[in-house]
Each structure stands twice: as C-alpha cells, then as structure tokens.
Amino acid sequence: GNYYPTISFNEFWLLRDKLIAINETVSVLPLNLEVGPISMMKWQLFMQIDQSFQIHRSYGSMVEGEADELKRVFLEGNPYLLVITMVVSLLHSVFDFLAFKNDIQFWNKNKSMEGLSAKSVVVSFLCQLIVFLYLLDNETSWMILASSGIGCCIEFWKIGKAMHIEVDRTGKIPMLRFRDRDSYASNKTKEYDDIAMKYLSYVLFLLVAGFSIYSLMYERHKSWYSWVLSSLTSCVYMFGKPFVLSCSFI
C-alpha cells in the first residue's frame, strides 16, 4: 500500500558550456544537486520541448548549440522582452510571406517593362544570392535558409519576367544569355537606367573595395571564401538596397 513517487533527473536547463571534461588529471569535482517536486504538466512540457529539439537536430533544421542559445534566452532574458521578440518574429514571417505573394502577383500580371528598371532586378537577385551563400557558409538554421532560398528563386524568376533568357548552345558549355524586352529597349527607361547604373556603380565599387580592405585588416575570417562573402554581404546590407532603390527611382 505504499506509494513511491517517480524520480526524474532533469537535465533540461543544463547548458553545454557548464559541462566539465573528465580525464585522468581530474580527481575532484564540485557536485550540486537540487531536489524538489515538479508538477506533471511542467515535466511533460520539458520532455516535449526536449524531444522537439532532438527531432529538429535529426532533420537538420537546428544546428548544434542552437538549443542551448534558446534555453539561455529563457534563463537570462526578460520575459516581457521575450514575448515582444516572439510577436515581432511572427509578424516578420507573416509580412515576409505577404511580400513574396504580392511580388509574385505583380510580376506575373506585368506585361510591359516601361517605367521599370531591368538592371535593378538583376542587381536585386545578385544581392539575394550573396546573402543566401553567406547564410549557408555560416551554417544558419534551415528555416532561415529556406526563406532566403525562396526569395532568391523569386528574384531569379523576376529576371525571366523583366528580360528574355535564352540558352546559348553554340559553345562547349551551354550559357545563359539575357536580352532586353522590346517594351524596355524602345523607351527612355533603358537610357536612364544605363546612366544610373554607370555612375552609381563607380561609387559602389569604391565603397565595396574600401570595406573589403578594412575587413581583411581588422576582422577574422575562416577562409578567403568567407572573407569575400562576409565583405559582399556587409556591403549588400549597407549599400545594396539603397543602390537598387536609387536605380529604380531614377
């Protein structure tokens, strides 16, 4: 008739940076145990979150150590700030989806390039591709990579709407050839677009070269490839979007 309660060794809040490596040189270690009751609902919640982390790691959608960073947010962060961050992140995802939806609808219905900058579409695709390669090089979670990859595909699809894409098979290796549409080449938009790209590109190349040299001298990088991607990504965030908007308005 005796009742023996279940004992559970809870390692949910044990972070990896708190672990101590044990080898033959270690003879004494501190041991701190906290014993206390826990409700069934709270214990089940810990188990479900831990299993969710394991599933995400097995699918590759969560890199090693990301679970500890999430736990650290709950341990050290302000709960009100955490709620605000979650709401903002949710709204950002919704607005990102709506932006993709509206962008696809606009370019799908568009039949003329009059008044639109075709070169800014190409530059926007290059900026999105650089950001995607940078996230891939830094082993970002698959959720962020998926959003960036979808955006990159949409930007490339927009090039097909803004220009004629042809496959040149005259050489040994097939090459993509881009040709302006008639509605773009026959109006003043192309002339103004060429002037804007010509002068703004001079300024952009100088800024990119200067920042790349600064990054090489004062920052640490994994490889030359990482240095190139990091420099280009920083320049995209600082100068890329204003450059594209300037070409579009001009």
C-alpha atoms as a PDB file:
ATOM      1  CA  GLY A   1       0.000   0.000   0.000  1.00  0.00           C
ATOM      2  CA  ASN A   2       2.995   2.342  -0.129  1.00  0.00           C
ATOM      3  CA  TYR A   3       3.313   4.957  -2.870  1.00  0.00           C
ATOM      4  CA  TYR A   4       6.737   5.721  -4.308  1.00  0.00           C
ATOM      5  CA  PRO A   5       6.845   8.903  -6.426  1.00  0.00           C
ATOM      6  CA  THR A   6       8.677   8.966  -9.751  1.00  0.00           C
ATOM      7  CA  ILE A   7      12.182  10.410  -9.644  1.00  0.00           C
ATOM      8  CA  SER A   8      13.346  12.228 -12.772  1.00  0.00           C
ATOM      9  CA  PHE A   9      16.863  13.555 -13.323  1.00  0.00           C
ATOM     10  CA  ASN A  10      16.134  16.865 -15.062  1.00  0.00           C
ATOM     11  CA  GLU A  11      18.952  17.996 -17.400  1.00  0.00           C
ATOM     12  CA  PHE A  12      16.813  20.415 -19.384  1.00  0.00           C
ATOM     13  CA  TRP A  13      18.472  23.571 -18.027  1.00  0.00           C
ATOM     14  CA  LEU A  14      21.999  22.092 -18.099  1.00  0.00           C
ATOM     15  CA  LEU A  15      23.885  24.036 -20.787  1.00  0.00           C
ATOM     16  CA  ARG A  16      26.858  22.705 -22.720  1.00  0.00           C
ATOM     17  CA  ASP A  17      29.232  25.461 -21.595  1.00  0.00           C
ATOM     18  CA  LYS A  18      28.637  24.401 -17.968  1.00  0.00           C
ATOM     19  CA  LEU A  19      29.932  20.867 -18.587  1.00  0.00           C
ATOM     20  CA  ILE A  20      33.401  19.880 -17.358  1.00  0.00           C
ATOM     21  CA  ALA A  21      35.584  17.460 -19.335  1.00  0.00           C
ATOM     22  CA  ILE A  22      36.674  14.454 -17.250  1.00  0.00           C
ATOM     23  CA  ASN A  23      40.045  12.786 -17.828  1.00  0.00           C
ATOM     24  CA  GLU A  24      42.800  11.139 -15.795  1.00  0.00           C
ATOM     25  CA  THR A  25      44.009  14.501 -14.424  1.00  0.00           C
ATOM     26  CA  VAL A  26      40.672  15.313 -12.749  1.00  0.00           C
ATOM     27  CA  SER A  27      40.432  13.989  -9.188  1.00  0.00           C
ATOM     28  CA  VAL A  28      37.858  16.270  -7.521  1.00  0.00           C
ATOM     29  CA  LEU A  29      34.735  17.832  -8.987  1.00  0.00           C
ATOM     30  CA  PRO A  30      32.043  20.016  -7.399  1.00  0.00           C
ATOM     31  CA  LEU A  31      28.596  18.402  -7.267  1.00  0.00           C
ATOM     32  CA  ASN A  32      25.468  20.439  -6.649  1.00  0.00           C
ATOM     33  CA  LEU A  33      22.062  18.745  -6.520  1.00  0.00           C
ATOM     34  CA  GLU A  34      18.710  20.454  -6.192  1.00  0.00           C
ATOM     35  CA  VAL A  35      15.840  18.251  -5.054  1.00  0.00           C
ATOM     36  CA  GLY A  36      12.271  19.431  -5.360  1.00  0.00           C
ATOM     37  CA  PRO A  37       8.812  18.458  -6.583  1.00  0.00           C
ATOM     38  CA  ILE A  38       7.603  19.289 -10.072  1.00  0.00           C
ATOM     39  CA  SER A  39       4.110  19.182 -11.498  1.00  0.00           C
ATOM     40  CA  MET A  40       3.177  16.612 -14.111  1.00  0.00           C
ATOM     41  CA  MET A  41       2.281  19.326 -16.628  1.00  0.00           C
ATOM     42  CA  LYS A  42       5.649  21.059 -16.242  1.00  0.00           C
ATOM     43  CA  TRP A  43       7.547  17.772 -16.529  1.00  0.00           C
ATOM     44  CA  GLN A  44       5.657  16.833 -19.685  1.00  0.00           C
ATOM     45  CA  LEU A  45       6.368  20.274 -21.129  1.00  0.00           C
ATOM     46  CA  PHE A  46      10.122  19.809 -20.566  1.00  0.00           C
ATOM     47  CA  MET A  47      10.013  16.371 -22.169  1.00  0.00           C
ATOM     48  CA  GLN A  48       8.081  17.610 -25.224  1.00  0.00           C
ATOM     49  CA  ILE A  49      10.439  20.548 -25.797  1.00  0.00           C
ATOM     50  CA  ASP A  50      13.484  18.297 -25.444  1.00  0.00           C
ATOM     51  CA  GLN A  51      12.041  15.787 -27.918  1.00  0.00           C
ATOM     52  CA  SER A  52      11.232  18.644 -30.299  1.00  0.00           C
ATOM     53  CA  PHE A  53      14.882  19.772 -30.155  1.00  0.00           C
ATOM     54  CA  GLN A  54      16.047  16.228 -30.943  1.00  0.00           C
ATOM     55  CA  ILE A  55      13.673  15.975 -33.926  1.00  0.00           C
ATOM     56  CA  HIS A  56      14.850  19.314 -35.333  1.00  0.00           C
ATOM     57  CA  ARG A  57      18.503  18.269 -34.946  1.00  0.00           C
ATOM     58  CA  SER A  58      17.835  14.965 -36.726  1.00  0.00           C
ATOM     59  CA  TYR A  59      16.152  16.811 -39.625  1.00  0.00           C
ATOM     60  CA  GLY A  60      18.956  19.378 -39.821  1.00  0.00           C
ATOM     61  CA  SER A  61      16.700  22.353 -39.092  1.00  0.00           C
ATOM     62  CA  MET A  62      18.607  23.160 -35.879  1.00  0.00           C
ATOM     63  CA  VAL A  63      22.388  23.377 -35.681  1.00  0.00           C
ATOM     64  CA  GLU A  64      24.427  22.147 -32.710  1.00  0.00           C
ATOM     65  CA  GLY A  65      24.284  24.559 -29.788  1.00  0.00           C
ATOM     66  CA  GLU A  66      21.190  26.402 -31.009  1.00  0.00           C
ATOM     67  CA  ALA A  67      19.045  24.674 -28.393  1.00  0.00           C
ATOM     68  CA  ASP A  68      21.352  25.997 -25.653  1.00  0.00           C
ATOM     69  CA  GLU A  69      21.032  29.526 -27.002  1.00  0.00           C
ATOM     70  CA  LEU A  70      17.242  29.208 -26.916  1.00  0.00           C
ATOM     71  CA  LYS A  71      17.352  27.933 -23.338  1.00  0.00           C
ATOM     72  CA  ARG A  72      19.662  30.792 -22.391  1.00  0.00           C
ATOM     73  CA  VAL A  73      17.056  33.247 -23.652  1.00  0.00           C
ATOM     74  CA  PHE A  74      14.511  31.798 -21.230  1.00  0.00           C
ATOM     75  CA  LEU A  75      17.015  31.697 -18.360  1.00  0.00           C
ATOM     76  CA  GLU A  76      18.639  35.110 -18.697  1.00  0.00           C
ATOM     77  CA  GLY A  77      16.175  37.115 -20.778  1.00  0.00           C
ATOM     78  CA  ASN A  78      13.389  39.417 -19.721  1.00  0.00           C
ATOM     79  CA  PRO A  79      10.036  37.595 -20.160  1.00  0.00           C
ATOM     80  CA  TYR A  80       8.308  40.735 -21.460  1.00  0.00           C
ATOM     81  CA  LEU A  81      11.106  41.356 -23.968  1.00  0.00           C
ATOM     82  CA  LEU A  82      10.923  37.694 -24.980  1.00  0.00           C
ATOM     83  CA  VAL A  83       7.187  37.955 -25.687  1.00  0.00           C
ATOM     84  CA  ILE A  84       7.734  41.122 -27.743  1.00  0.00           C
ATOM     85  CA  THR A  85      10.516  39.394 -29.698  1.00  0.00           C
ATOM     86  CA  MET A  86       8.306  36.404 -30.449  1.00  0.00           C
ATOM     87  CA  VAL A  87       5.465  38.656 -31.632  1.00  0.00           C
ATOM     88  CA  VAL A  88       7.816  40.689 -33.832  1.00  0.00           C
ATOM     89  CA  SER A  89       9.325  37.493 -35.283  1.00  0.00           C
ATOM     90  CA  LEU A  90       5.856  36.153 -36.054  1.00  0.00           C
ATOM     91  CA  LEU A  91       4.836  39.418 -37.721  1.00  0.00           C
ATOM     92  CA  HIS A  92       8.092  39.438 -39.693  1.00  0.00           C
ATOM     93  CA  SER A  93       7.328  35.962 -41.048  1.00  0.00           C
ATOM     94  CA  VAL A  94       3.792  36.997 -41.991  1.00  0.00           C
ATOM     95  CA  PHE A  95       4.975  40.192 -43.708  1.00  0.00           C
ATOM     96  CA  ASP A  96       7.715  38.226 -45.480  1.00  0.00           C
ATOM     97  CA  PHE A  97       5.121  35.828 -46.860  1.00  0.00           C
ATOM     98  CA  LEU A  98       2.847  38.700 -47.936  1.00  0.00           C
ATOM     99  CA  ALA A  99       5.777  40.422 -49.646  1.00  0.00           C
ATOM    100  CA  PHE A 100       6.542  37.251 -51.605  1.00  0.00           C
ATOM    101  CA  LYS A 101       2.868  36.903 -52.527  1.00  0.00           C
ATOM    102  CA  ASN A 102       2.446  40.494 -53.713  1.00  0.00           C
ATOM    103  CA  ASP A 103       5.756  40.437 -55.599  1.00  0.00           C
ATOM    104  CA  ILE A 104       4.759  37.298 -57.490  1.00  0.00           C
ATOM    105  CA  GLN A 105       1.303  38.680 -58.288  1.00  0.00           C
ATOM    106  CA  PHE A 106       2.722  41.958 -59.628  1.00  0.00           C
ATOM    107  CA  TRP A 107       5.339  40.398 -61.894  1.00  0.00           C
ATOM    108  CA  ASN A 108       3.009  37.642 -63.029  1.00  0.00           C
ATOM    109  CA  LYS A 109       0.484  40.200 -64.313  1.00  0.00           C
ATOM    110  CA  ASN A 110       3.068  42.642 -65.661  1.00  0.00           C
ATOM    111  CA  LYS A 111       3.331  42.631 -69.468  1.00  0.00           C
ATOM    112  CA  SER A 112       5.440  45.742 -70.074  1.00  0.00           C
ATOM    113  CA  MET A 113       8.776  46.959 -68.687  1.00  0.00           C
ATOM    114  CA  GLU A 114       8.033  50.605 -69.426  1.00  0.00           C
ATOM    115  CA  GLY A 115       8.978  52.645 -66.372  1.00  0.00           C
ATOM    116  CA  LEU A 116      10.655  49.670 -64.657  1.00  0.00           C
ATOM    117  CA  SER A 117      14.377  49.083 -64.229  1.00  0.00           C
ATOM    118  CA  ALA A 118      15.512  45.699 -65.562  1.00  0.00           C
ATOM    119  CA  LYS A 119      19.051  46.128 -64.274  1.00  0.00           C
ATOM    120  CA  SER A 120      17.827  46.743 -60.725  1.00  0.00           C
ATOM    121  CA  VAL A 121      16.061  43.349 -60.892  1.00  0.00           C
ATOM    122  CA  VAL A 122      19.377  41.686 -61.789  1.00  0.00           C
ATOM    123  CA  VAL A 123      21.196  43.543 -59.012  1.00  0.00           C
ATOM    124  CA  SER A 124      18.499  42.552 -56.517  1.00  0.00           C
ATOM    125  CA  PHE A 125      18.952  38.887 -57.481  1.00  0.00           C
ATOM    126  CA  LEU A 126      22.733  39.134 -57.002  1.00  0.00           C
ATOM    127  CA  CYS A 127      22.242  40.708 -53.562  1.00  0.00           C
ATOM    128  CA  GLN A 128      19.820  37.971 -52.524  1.00  0.00           C
ATOM    129  CA  LEU A 129      22.191  35.275 -53.820  1.00  0.00           C
ATOM    130  CA  ILE A 130      25.111  36.736 -51.841  1.00  0.00           C
ATOM    131  CA  VAL A 131      23.063  36.771 -48.638  1.00  0.00           C
ATOM    132  CA  PHE A 132      21.955  33.161 -49.229  1.00  0.00           C
ATOM    133  CA  LEU A 133      25.549  31.963 -49.765  1.00  0.00           C
ATOM    134  CA  TYR A 134      26.646  33.847 -46.634  1.00  0.00           C
ATOM    135  CA  LEU A 135      23.940  32.184 -44.527  1.00  0.00           C
ATOM    136  CA  LEU A 136      24.877  28.807 -45.999  1.00  0.00           C
ATOM    137  CA  ASP A 137      28.555  29.346 -45.193  1.00  0.00           C
ATOM    138  CA  ASN A 138      27.755  30.263 -41.583  1.00  0.00           C
ATOM    139  CA  GLU A 139      25.602  27.141 -41.035  1.00  0.00           C
ATOM    140  CA  THR A 140      22.400  29.039 -40.317  1.00  0.00           C
ATOM    141  CA  SER A 141      19.262  27.082 -39.423  1.00  0.00           C
ATOM    142  CA  TRP A 142      17.271  25.608 -42.276  1.00  0.00           C
ATOM    143  CA  MET A 143      14.240  27.800 -41.571  1.00  0.00           C
ATOM    144  CA  ILE A 144      16.194  30.994 -42.320  1.00  0.00           C
ATOM    145  CA  LEU A 145      17.928  29.323 -45.267  1.00  0.00           C
ATOM    146  CA  ALA A 146      14.565  28.252 -46.687  1.00  0.00           C
ATOM    147  CA  SER A 147      13.188  31.801 -46.511  1.00  0.00           C
ATOM    148  CA  SER A 148      16.318  33.238 -48.130  1.00  0.00           C
ATOM    149  CA  GLY A 149      16.381  30.494 -50.774  1.00  0.00           C
ATOM    150  CA  ILE A 150      12.746  31.114 -51.716  1.00  0.00           C
ATOM    151  CA  GLY A 151      13.489  34.822 -52.039  1.00  0.00           C
ATOM    152  CA  CYS A 152      16.491  34.038 -54.251  1.00  0.00           C
ATOM    153  CA  CYS A 153      14.369  31.832 -56.536  1.00  0.00           C
ATOM    154  CA  ILE A 154      11.704  34.533 -56.796  1.00  0.00           C
ATOM    155  CA  GLU A 155      14.326  37.146 -57.739  1.00  0.00           C
ATOM    156  CA  PHE A 156      15.673  34.884 -60.490  1.00  0.00           C
ATOM    157  CA  TRP A 157      12.124  34.263 -61.717  1.00  0.00           C
ATOM    158  CA  LYS A 158      11.634  38.036 -61.888  1.00  0.00           C
ATOM    159  CA  ILE A 159      14.628  38.294 -64.229  1.00  0.00           C
ATOM    160  CA  GLY A 160      12.768  36.000 -66.634  1.00  0.00           C
ATOM    161  CA  LYS A 161       9.807  38.399 -66.484  1.00  0.00           C
ATOM    162  CA  ALA A 162      11.967  41.507 -66.941  1.00  0.00           C
ATOM    163  CA  MET A 163      14.253  40.104 -69.667  1.00  0.00           C
ATOM    164  CA  HIS A 164      14.406  37.342 -72.245  1.00  0.00           C
ATOM    165  CA  ILE A 165      16.526  34.413 -71.003  1.00  0.00           C
ATOM    166  CA  GLU A 166      17.945  32.192 -73.732  1.00  0.00           C
ATOM    167  CA  VAL A 167      20.268  29.198 -73.628  1.00  0.00           C
ATOM    168  CA  ASP A 168      23.262  29.554 -75.944  1.00  0.00           C
ATOM    169  CA  ARG A 169      24.429  26.105 -77.071  1.00  0.00           C
ATOM    170  CA  THR A 170      26.975  27.253 -79.646  1.00  0.00           C
ATOM    171  CA  GLY A 171      29.931  26.629 -77.331  1.00  0.00           C
ATOM    172  CA  LYS A 172      31.051  23.538 -75.484  1.00  0.00           C
ATOM    173  CA  ILE A 173      29.277  24.668 -72.318  1.00  0.00           C
ATOM    174  CA  PRO A 174      25.673  25.979 -72.559  1.00  0.00           C
ATOM    175  CA  MET A 175      25.457  29.574 -71.384  1.00  0.00           C
ATOM    176  CA  LEU A 176      22.532  31.762 -70.369  1.00  0.00           C
ATOM    177  CA  ARG A 177      22.027  34.869 -72.482  1.00  0.00           C
ATOM    178  CA  PHE A 178      19.943  37.805 -71.269  1.00  0.00           C
ATOM    179  CA  ARG A 179      18.223  40.055 -73.809  1.00  0.00           C
ATOM    180  CA  ASP A 180      16.148  43.164 -73.119  1.00  0.00           C
ATOM    181  CA  ARG A 181      12.445  43.041 -73.856  1.00  0.00           C
ATOM    182  CA  ASP A 182      11.079  45.254 -76.616  1.00  0.00           C
ATOM    183  CA  SER A 183       8.959  47.296 -74.197  1.00  0.00           C
ATOM    184  CA  TYR A 184      12.113  48.102 -72.210  1.00  0.00           C
ATOM    185  CA  ALA A 185      14.590  48.736 -75.032  1.00  0.00           C
ATOM    186  CA  SER A 186      12.278  51.014 -77.023  1.00  0.00           C
ATOM    187  CA  ASN A 187      11.610  53.662 -74.355  1.00  0.00           C
ATOM    188  CA  LYS A 188      13.551  56.180 -72.283  1.00  0.00           C
ATOM    189  CA  THR A 189      13.676  53.881 -69.264  1.00  0.00           C
ATOM    190  CA  LYS A 190      16.657  51.947 -70.645  1.00  0.00           C
ATOM    191  CA  GLU A 191      18.595  55.155 -71.281  1.00  0.00           C
ATOM    192  CA  TYR A 192      18.055  56.453 -67.756  1.00  0.00           C
ATOM    193  CA  ASP A 193      18.726  53.000 -66.334  1.00  0.00           C
ATOM    194  CA  ASP A 194      22.097  52.797 -68.107  1.00  0.00           C
ATOM    195  CA  ILE A 195      23.100  56.239 -66.826  1.00  0.00           C
ATOM    196  CA  ALA A 196      22.103  55.393 -63.240  1.00  0.00           C
ATOM    197  CA  MET A 197      23.934  52.049 -63.278  1.00  0.00           C
ATOM    198  CA  LYS A 198      27.041  53.622 -64.794  1.00  0.00           C
ATOM    199  CA  TYR A 199      27.594  56.358 -62.211  1.00  0.00           C
ATOM    200  CA  LEU A 200      26.218  54.607 -59.160  1.00  0.00           C
ATOM    201  CA  SER A 201      28.339  51.515 -59.879  1.00  0.00           C
ATOM    202  CA  TYR A 202      31.510  53.626 -59.702  1.00  0.00           C
ATOM    203  CA  VAL A 203      30.616  54.764 -56.191  1.00  0.00           C
ATOM    204  CA  LEU A 204      29.519  51.259 -55.169  1.00  0.00           C
ATOM    205  CA  PHE A 205      32.743  49.603 -56.362  1.00  0.00           C
ATOM    206  CA  LEU A 206      34.864  52.089 -54.403  1.00  0.00           C
ATOM    207  CA  LEU A 207      32.842  51.525 -51.236  1.00  0.00           C
ATOM    208  CA  VAL A 208      32.972  47.731 -51.619  1.00  0.00           C
ATOM    209  CA  ALA A 209      36.738  47.783 -52.207  1.00  0.00           C
ATOM    210  CA  GLY A 210      37.353  50.047 -49.222  1.00  0.00           C
ATOM    211  CA  PHE A 211      35.211  48.000 -46.849  1.00  0.00           C
ATOM    212  CA  SER A 212      36.760  44.724 -48.061  1.00  0.00           C
ATOM    213  CA  ILE A 213      40.262  46.002 -47.291  1.00  0.00           C
ATOM    214  CA  TYR A 214      39.139  47.201 -43.865  1.00  0.00           C
ATOM    215  CA  SER A 215      37.515  43.820 -43.129  1.00  0.00           C
ATOM    216  CA  LEU A 216      40.661  41.965 -44.219  1.00  0.00           C
ATOM    217  CA  MET A 217      42.886  44.049 -41.942  1.00  0.00           C
ATOM    218  CA  TYR A 218      40.781  44.233 -38.766  1.00  0.00           C
ATOM    219  CA  GLU A 219      38.434  41.228 -38.758  1.00  0.00           C
ATOM    220  CA  ARG A 220      38.960  37.468 -38.543  1.00  0.00           C
ATOM    221  CA  HIS A 221      37.617  35.076 -41.191  1.00  0.00           C
ATOM    222  CA  LYS A 222      37.602  31.305 -41.658  1.00  0.00           C
ATOM    223  CA  SER A 223      38.926  31.394 -45.206  1.00  0.00           C
ATOM    224  CA  TRP A 224      39.327  33.622 -48.246  1.00  0.00           C
ATOM    225  CA  TYR A 225      35.900  32.478 -49.422  1.00  0.00           C
ATOM    226  CA  SER A 226      34.362  33.533 -46.098  1.00  0.00           C
ATOM    227  CA  TRP A 227      36.137  36.902 -46.335  1.00  0.00           C
ATOM    228  CA  VAL A 228      34.704  37.537 -49.802  1.00  0.00           C
ATOM    229  CA  LEU A 229      31.179  36.518 -48.742  1.00  0.00           C
ATOM    230  CA  SER A 230      31.351  38.482 -45.491  1.00  0.00           C
ATOM    231  CA  SER A 231      32.562  41.631 -47.268  1.00  0.00           C
ATOM    232  CA  LEU A 232      29.955  41.358 -50.014  1.00  0.00           C
ATOM    233  CA  THR A 233      27.161  40.644 -47.531  1.00  0.00           C
ATOM    234  CA  SER A 234      28.068  43.645 -45.389  1.00  0.00           C
ATOM    235  CA  CYS A 235      28.115  45.824 -48.492  1.00  0.00           C
ATOM    236  CA  VAL A 236      24.732  44.425 -49.561  1.00  0.00           C
ATOM    237  CA  TYR A 237      23.197  45.335 -46.200  1.00  0.00           C
ATOM    238  CA  MET A 238      24.772  48.810 -46.239  1.00  0.00           C
ATOM    239  CA  PHE A 239      24.676  49.794 -49.913  1.00  0.00           C
ATOM    240  CA  GLY A 240      22.761  47.119 -51.845  1.00  0.00           C
ATOM    241  CA  LYS A 241      19.150  48.081 -51.156  1.00  0.00           C
ATOM    242  CA  PRO A 242      19.749  51.863 -51.472  1.00  0.00           C
ATOM    243  CA  PHE A 243      21.569  51.169 -54.753  1.00  0.00           C
ATOM    244  CA  VAL A 244      18.642  49.152 -56.135  1.00  0.00           C
ATOM    245  CA  LEU A 245      16.085  51.727 -54.973  1.00  0.00           C
ATOM    246  CA  SER A 246      18.125  54.573 -56.494  1.00  0.00           C
ATOM    247  CA  CYS A 247      18.246  52.796 -59.871  1.00  0.00           C
ATOM    248  CA  SER A 248      14.502  52.082 -59.707  1.00  0.00           C
ATOM    249  CA  PHE A 249      13.549  55.686 -58.907  1.00  0.00           C
ATOM    250  CA  ILE A 250      15.930  57.157 -61.475  1.00  0.00           C
END
